[in-house]
Structure formats: structure tokens, C-alpha cells
């Protein structure tokens, strides 16, 4: 969110294949369904707000940020990523006979993103004891459980007399689907979808902490938003964000078989206001 980094020093630190590993499945259900045996879990019954980011999906980096010696490989990876997404969509449609509503899903993703930013800013402007409940009430049905928990933690770091205002000034480009992944049940039939959507916006953030004049910042921001979707109800929730991949990693999603690592990935990606990773040096 715009403006977070400008005050963070004082208050905050700013495609999967058609089947998932047992550890990946287990990480999805840790909080709410830990008491059940894995063999008893029916993923179709799990609220999608509990299904966080499932993998380090590939996000094509901008060529200008990469060594020129890697450009030819990156162009090939862009083509491969497109081909992989096309194949994933085709497999999903063949298995389910469902249509894909990318425009509707992208629109809802942006709507949830705007709602999340506004709710967080408003929460930081309310009394501390009310911030927890305010965020939960405002983002019910719009954001995943891990995202809401992350926002609550961050809002608690703002002083009691803080006043934060957030405004969307413009959507600079049409939102673009970067990754399409279906989430299957135990029989291999897709029941949910996870999208990574590129959203480029112009935002304005005004922050007052009760000391001095308010700080107003205006910037263009590019986010790679992760949404979990129930295609049967068209329910869409924001479950996290990712950053551009470096010029070294390949296209296949990095899925960990380690339960703890999966939980950490979902927790980290749910913090949509975190700092980006440091760039890898030129190769």
C-alpha cells in the first residue's frame, strides 16, 4: 500500500500441476481443520478464505531490471509461462466443463484490493481497541484469514492518534492474469482456482501521526495479487501478493513438501505491505 514505507521505520517493517502434495494439502487446513485426519478432509467443504497462496508462482520480471545476458532466456520463459497457463486452463475446462470468467475475476480482485486498502487505512485511524474487530468486519468475504491477521498485526503498530487516508487515483493498465492454477480434490477434480493478477495503479496516501504536518504521498504501484476463487459461486478472496521473480529461477512453481515451509509461505505472502526481496546481482 502506498505510504506504508514512508512511515514504516517508526511503526512497521514495511502453476502448480493438477495435484498437490500431502504437505501442501495439510498446510491449507492447519488452522481450522487440524483436528481431522487428512483422509477425512474434503477440500470442497473448506471456506476459501482459509486457502492461502499455495506456491511461489512464477512472475515474469521486467527485462530492464535484469542483466542483458539473461534476456533471451527470460523471453523464452515468458512464452513457456503463457503456454503453461493455456494448458492449465484447457485442463480445467476439460475436467469441469466450466467456463472461465477472467474479466469478472479480475474485476473482483481489484475491488477486493481497493476495499482492503481502504479498510486498513480506516482501521489505523480508529482507536486501538477497535481495530481488530473493524478489520474483520470490513473485510469479511473480501480477504483471506491470513491477510486479515496480517493487517491486524500491522494496524496495532500505529499510534493511537494516527490518521490514515488512502485513495485510488487511477488504474493505469488493464489488470492481467499472470498465473492460473486449479486446486483439485482427492480425486483430482478441480474445485477451486488460484489466480495471480498484475494490477498497476496510481494511489494517494495521507498519514498523520499527531506530530507535525500530515504526509501525503502519490505513487504508481504494481502489485501481483493472489486470489482464491470458488468457480461454482464466483466467490473471490484476496489471499496475498507476490513479487517479480528473479532472472535465475525457472517457470515451474516452487511448491514445498515441507508443512512448516508451506505455512510460512502463506503467512509471508499474506502480508501485502511487506518489503520486496533484495535483487540478485547481475549474472
Protein backbone atom coordinates (compact mmCIF):
# COMPACT_ATOMS: atom_id res chain seq x y z
CA UNK A 1 0.00 0.00 0.00
CA UNK A 2 1.27 3.44 -0.88
CA UNK A 3 2.75 5.36 2.00
CA UNK A 4 3.48 2.39 4.25
CA UNK A 5 7.23 2.50 3.65
CA UNK A 6 7.47 6.23 4.33
CA UNK A 7 6.43 5.70 7.97
CA UNK A 8 7.49 2.09 8.41
CA UNK A 9 10.80 2.88 10.03
CA UNK A 10 8.94 4.13 13.08
CA UNK A 11 5.94 1.84 13.26
CA UNK A 12 6.26 -1.16 10.94
CA UNK A 13 8.59 -3.09 8.87
CA UNK A 14 7.09 -2.37 5.84
CA UNK A 15 1.48 -23.13 -11.69
CA UNK A 16 1.07 -25.99 -9.77
CA UNK A 17 0.42 -29.29 -11.56
CA UNK A 18 -3.05 -30.83 -11.37
CA UNK A 19 -2.35 -32.43 -7.99
CA UNK A 20 -0.97 -31.14 -4.70
CA UNK A 21 1.36 -32.93 -2.32
CA UNK A 22 0.06 -34.16 1.06
CA UNK A 23 2.10 -31.47 2.82
CA UNK A 24 0.60 -28.80 0.61
CA UNK A 25 -2.91 -30.04 1.32
CA UNK A 26 -2.16 -30.18 5.03
CA UNK A 27 -0.93 -26.59 5.09
CA UNK A 28 -4.25 -25.42 3.66
CA UNK A 29 -6.24 -26.77 6.56
CA UNK A 30 -3.90 -26.27 9.51
CA UNK A 31 -5.91 -23.73 11.48
CA UNK A 32 -9.50 -24.83 11.15
CA UNK A 33 -9.25 -28.48 10.27
CA UNK A 34 -6.26 -29.69 12.29
CA UNK A 35 -8.44 -32.00 14.34
CA UNK A 36 -9.45 -34.04 11.30
CA UNK A 37 -7.41 -36.80 9.78
CA UNK A 38 -6.07 -35.94 6.34
CA UNK A 39 -8.00 -38.80 4.78
CA UNK A 40 -11.23 -37.24 6.04
CA UNK A 41 -10.62 -33.79 4.58
CA UNK A 42 -12.95 -32.74 1.77
CA UNK A 43 -11.36 -29.68 0.21
CA UNK A 44 -14.63 -28.66 -1.42
CA UNK A 45 -16.07 -28.02 2.05
CA UNK A 46 -13.23 -25.73 3.13
CA UNK A 47 -14.03 -21.98 3.10
CA UNK A 48 -11.76 -20.40 0.51
CA UNK A 49 -10.71 -17.72 3.00
CA UNK A 50 -8.54 -20.42 4.61
CA UNK A 51 -6.75 -21.31 1.35
CA UNK A 52 -3.71 -19.05 1.16
CA UNK A 53 -1.06 -18.72 -1.52
CA UNK A 54 -0.04 -22.29 -2.38
CA UNK A 55 3.28 -21.75 -4.15
CA UNK A 56 5.94 -19.30 -5.23
CA UNK A 57 4.34 -18.84 -8.63
CA UNK A 58 6.47 -17.51 -11.46
CA UNK A 59 6.00 -13.80 -12.13
CA UNK A 60 7.87 -12.69 -15.29
CA UNK A 61 10.35 -9.94 -14.34
CA UNK A 62 10.77 -6.73 -16.29
CA UNK A 63 13.70 -7.03 -18.67
CA UNK A 64 15.06 -3.61 -17.66
CA UNK A 65 15.63 -4.96 -14.15
CA UNK A 66 17.61 -7.98 -15.34
CA UNK A 67 21.08 -8.48 -16.84
CA UNK A 68 21.03 -8.22 -20.64
CA UNK A 69 22.72 -11.62 -20.82
CA UNK A 70 19.54 -13.19 -19.42
CA UNK A 71 17.03 -11.52 -21.73
CA UNK A 72 16.83 -14.34 -24.27
CA UNK A 73 16.12 -16.88 -21.51
CA UNK A 74 13.53 -14.60 -19.94
CA UNK A 75 11.70 -14.18 -23.25
CA UNK A 76 11.57 -17.95 -23.63
CA UNK A 77 10.27 -18.27 -20.07
CA UNK A 78 7.51 -15.75 -20.80
CA UNK A 79 6.41 -17.87 -23.72
CA UNK A 80 6.59 -21.04 -21.62
CA UNK A 81 4.61 -19.40 -18.82
CA UNK A 82 1.92 -18.41 -21.33
CA UNK A 83 1.84 -21.94 -22.74
CA UNK A 84 1.65 -23.45 -19.25
CA UNK A 85 -1.26 -21.19 -18.28
CA UNK A 86 -3.06 -22.02 -21.52
CA UNK A 87 -2.64 -25.74 -20.85
CA UNK A 88 -3.83 -25.34 -17.24
CA UNK A 89 -6.96 -23.52 -18.38
CA UNK A 90 -7.64 -26.16 -21.03
CA UNK A 91 -7.25 -29.00 -18.50
CA UNK A 92 -9.53 -27.20 -16.05
CA UNK A 93 -12.26 -26.66 -18.65
CA UNK A 94 -11.99 -30.24 -19.87
CA UNK A 95 -12.22 -31.67 -16.34
CA UNK A 96 -15.05 -29.45 -15.09
CA UNK A 97 -16.90 -28.34 -18.25
CA UNK A 98 -16.94 -24.89 -16.64
CA UNK A 99 -16.30 -21.61 -18.37
CA UNK A 100 -13.63 -19.22 -17.12
CA UNK A 101 -14.69 -15.68 -16.28
CA UNK A 102 -11.39 -13.86 -16.24
CA UNK A 103 -12.86 -10.38 -16.60
CA UNK A 104 -15.22 -10.91 -13.67
CA UNK A 105 -12.48 -12.44 -11.51
CA UNK A 106 -10.01 -9.65 -12.31
CA UNK A 107 -12.63 -7.01 -11.56
CA UNK A 108 -13.42 -8.64 -8.23
CA UNK A 109 -9.72 -8.92 -7.40
CA UNK A 110 -9.26 -5.18 -7.91
CA UNK A 111 -12.42 -4.48 -5.92
CA UNK A 112 -11.10 -6.57 -3.01
CA UNK A 113 -7.71 -4.87 -3.23
CA UNK A 114 -9.25 -1.40 -3.04
CA UNK A 115 -11.53 -2.47 -0.20
CA UNK A 116 -8.57 -3.93 1.70
CA UNK A 117 -6.51 -0.75 1.40
CA UNK A 118 -9.40 1.46 2.46
CA UNK A 119 -10.29 -0.78 5.40
CA UNK A 120 -6.70 -0.87 6.63
CA UNK A 121 -6.33 2.91 6.42
CA UNK A 122 -9.63 3.42 8.24
CA UNK A 123 -8.67 0.88 10.91
CA UNK A 124 -5.40 2.69 11.61
CA UNK A 125 -7.45 5.84 12.23
CA UNK A 126 -9.73 4.25 14.82
CA UNK A 127 -9.00 3.64 18.48
CA UNK A 128 -6.61 0.75 19.05
CA UNK A 129 -9.09 -1.44 20.90
CA UNK A 130 -11.48 -1.38 17.93
CA UNK A 131 -9.03 -2.07 15.09
CA UNK A 132 -9.14 -5.86 15.31
CA UNK A 133 -12.92 -6.10 15.02
CA UNK A 134 -13.12 -3.30 12.44
CA UNK A 135 -10.78 -5.08 10.01
CA UNK A 136 -12.55 -8.41 10.43
CA UNK A 137 -15.97 -6.86 9.84
CA UNK A 138 -14.92 -4.75 6.87
CA UNK A 139 -13.03 -7.50 5.04
CA UNK A 140 -15.29 -10.47 5.67
CA UNK A 141 -15.73 -12.13 2.28
CA UNK A 142 -13.10 -9.93 0.62
CA UNK A 143 -9.80 -11.07 2.16
CA UNK A 144 -8.42 -14.38 3.36
CA UNK A 145 -7.89 -15.24 7.02
CA UNK A 146 -4.11 -14.83 6.83
CA UNK A 147 -4.40 -11.42 5.13
CA UNK A 148 -6.79 -10.19 7.81
CA UNK A 149 -4.46 -11.41 10.57
CA UNK A 150 -1.52 -9.64 8.91
CA UNK A 151 -3.46 -6.38 8.67
CA UNK A 152 -4.44 -6.61 12.33
CA UNK A 153 -0.79 -7.03 13.32
CA UNK A 154 0.28 -4.05 11.24
CA UNK A 155 -2.56 -1.79 12.40
CA UNK A 156 -1.57 -2.40 16.01
CA UNK A 157 1.80 -0.71 15.36
CA UNK A 158 0.20 2.64 14.51
CA UNK A 159 -0.10 5.11 17.39
CA UNK A 160 -3.49 5.79 18.94
CA UNK A 161 -3.70 9.27 17.43
CA UNK A 162 -2.82 8.19 13.87
CA UNK A 163 -4.97 9.28 10.95
CA UNK A 164 -4.53 7.47 7.65
CA UNK A 165 -6.34 8.12 4.37
CA UNK A 166 -5.97 6.06 1.19
CA UNK A 167 -7.31 6.93 -2.25
CA UNK A 168 -7.21 5.12 -5.59
CA UNK A 169 -6.47 7.77 -8.22
CA UNK A 170 -6.33 5.62 -11.34
CA UNK A 171 -5.92 2.12 -12.74
CA UNK A 172 -3.04 2.61 -15.14
CA UNK A 173 -3.31 -0.66 -17.08
CA UNK A 174 -5.90 -3.33 -17.62
CA UNK A 175 -5.36 -5.99 -14.93
CA UNK A 176 -3.61 -9.03 -16.38
CA UNK A 177 -3.72 -12.67 -15.29
CA UNK A 178 -0.15 -13.85 -14.72
CA UNK A 179 -0.82 -17.37 -13.43
CA UNK A 180 -3.84 -19.70 -13.49
CA UNK A 181 -3.82 -22.71 -11.17
CA UNK A 182 -6.62 -25.14 -10.35
CA UNK A 183 -6.86 -26.73 -6.90
CA UNK A 184 -8.16 -30.32 -7.08
CA UNK A 185 -9.86 -32.55 -4.56
CA UNK A 186 -8.56 -36.00 -3.61
CA UNK A 187 -9.97 -37.48 -6.82
CA UNK A 188 -8.11 -34.95 -8.95
CA UNK A 189 -11.17 -32.93 -9.97
CA UNK A 190 -10.57 -29.14 -9.76
CA UNK A 191 -12.77 -27.47 -7.17
CA UNK A 192 -11.07 -24.09 -6.64
CA UNK A 193 -8.84 -21.75 -8.64
CA UNK A 194 -5.92 -19.57 -7.66
CA UNK A 195 -5.04 -16.55 -9.81
CA UNK A 196 -2.08 -14.22 -9.76
CA UNK A 197 -3.18 -10.90 -11.26
CA UNK A 198 -0.97 -7.96 -12.21
CA UNK A 199 -2.57 -4.69 -11.12
CA UNK A 200 -0.91 -1.34 -11.82
CA UNK A 201 -2.46 1.63 -10.03
CA UNK A 202 -1.86 5.24 -9.07
CA UNK A 203 -2.53 5.80 -5.38
CA UNK A 204 -2.51 8.57 -2.82
CA UNK A 205 -1.74 8.10 0.85
CA UNK A 206 -2.03 10.69 3.61
CA UNK A 207 -0.60 9.88 7.04
CA UNK A 208 -0.76 11.93 10.21
CA UNK A 209 0.70 10.69 13.48
CA UNK A 210 -0.17 13.71 15.59
CA UNK A 211 3.32 15.16 15.19
CA UNK A 212 3.82 17.85 12.58
CA UNK A 213 2.04 18.22 9.27
CA UNK A 214 0.37 15.23 7.55
CA UNK A 215 2.49 13.46 4.94
CA UNK A 216 0.86 12.99 1.54
CA UNK A 217 2.45 10.64 -0.99
CA UNK A 218 1.38 9.85 -4.55
CA UNK A 219 2.92 6.98 -6.47
CA UNK A 220 2.36 4.39 -9.18
CA UNK A 221 2.31 0.87 -7.75
CA UNK A 222 2.46 -2.53 -9.45
CA UNK A 223 1.08 -5.43 -7.41
CA UNK A 224 0.86 -9.13 -8.18
CA UNK A 225 -2.24 -10.12 -6.24
CA UNK A 226 -3.08 -13.72 -5.35
CA UNK A 227 -6.77 -14.60 -5.21
CA UNK A 228 -8.52 -17.86 -4.37
CA UNK A 229 -11.74 -18.45 -6.30
CA UNK A 230 -14.73 -20.74 -5.95
CA UNK A 231 -15.84 -21.06 -9.60
CA UNK A 232 -19.21 -22.52 -8.62
CA UNK A 233 -20.23 -19.44 -6.62
CA UNK A 234 -17.82 -16.91 -8.20
CA UNK A 235 -16.63 -16.05 -4.69
CA UNK A 236 -13.22 -14.36 -4.86
CA UNK A 237 -10.98 -13.53 -1.87
CA UNK A 238 -7.63 -11.78 -1.72
CA UNK A 239 -5.14 -14.13 -0.05
CA UNK A 240 -1.80 -12.45 -0.65
CA UNK A 241 0.68 -10.96 -3.07
CA UNK A 242 3.91 -11.93 -4.80
CA UNK A 243 6.86 -10.10 -6.31
CA UNK A 244 8.51 -10.42 -9.69
CA UNK A 245 10.69 -13.49 -9.98
CA UNK A 246 14.41 -13.04 -10.40
CA UNK A 247 16.20 -13.73 -13.68
CA UNK A 248 17.56 -17.06 -12.43
CA UNK A 249 14.55 -19.14 -11.38
CA UNK A 250 12.56 -21.20 -13.85
CA UNK A 251 8.84 -21.12 -14.64
CA UNK A 252 7.58 -24.15 -12.74
CA UNK A 253 6.01 -23.06 -9.42
CA UNK A 254 8.16 -23.69 -6.38
CA UNK A 255 6.00 -25.96 -4.20
CA UNK A 256 7.48 -27.12 -0.91
CA UNK A 257 6.78 -30.58 0.51
CA UNK A 258 7.58 -29.24 3.96
CA UNK A 259 4.50 -28.44 6.03
CA UNK A 260 6.20 -25.69 8.04
CA UNK A 261 7.61 -24.09 4.88
CA UNK A 262 4.14 -24.05 3.31
CA UNK A 263 2.68 -22.35 6.36
CA UNK A 264 5.48 -19.78 6.30
CA UNK A 265 4.88 -19.06 2.61
CA UNK A 266 1.18 -18.48 3.21
CA UNK A 267 1.89 -16.24 6.20
CA UNK A 268 4.55 -14.22 4.40
CA UNK A 269 2.63 -13.74 1.15
CA UNK A 270 -0.44 -12.67 3.13
CA UNK A 271 1.47 -9.61 4.35
CA UNK A 272 0.68 -7.48 1.31
CA UNK A 273 2.61 -4.49 2.71
CA UNK A 274 5.95 -6.27 3.18
CA UNK A 275 9.15 -5.06 1.56
CA UNK A 276 10.22 -6.70 -1.71
CA UNK A 277 13.22 -9.04 -1.57
CA UNK A 278 16.65 -7.72 -2.39
CA UNK A 279 17.59 -8.05 -6.04
CA UNK A 280 20.00 -10.77 -7.06
CA UNK A 281 23.20 -9.36 -8.51
CA UNK A 282 23.91 -9.48 -12.20
CA UNK A 283 24.88 -12.87 -13.55
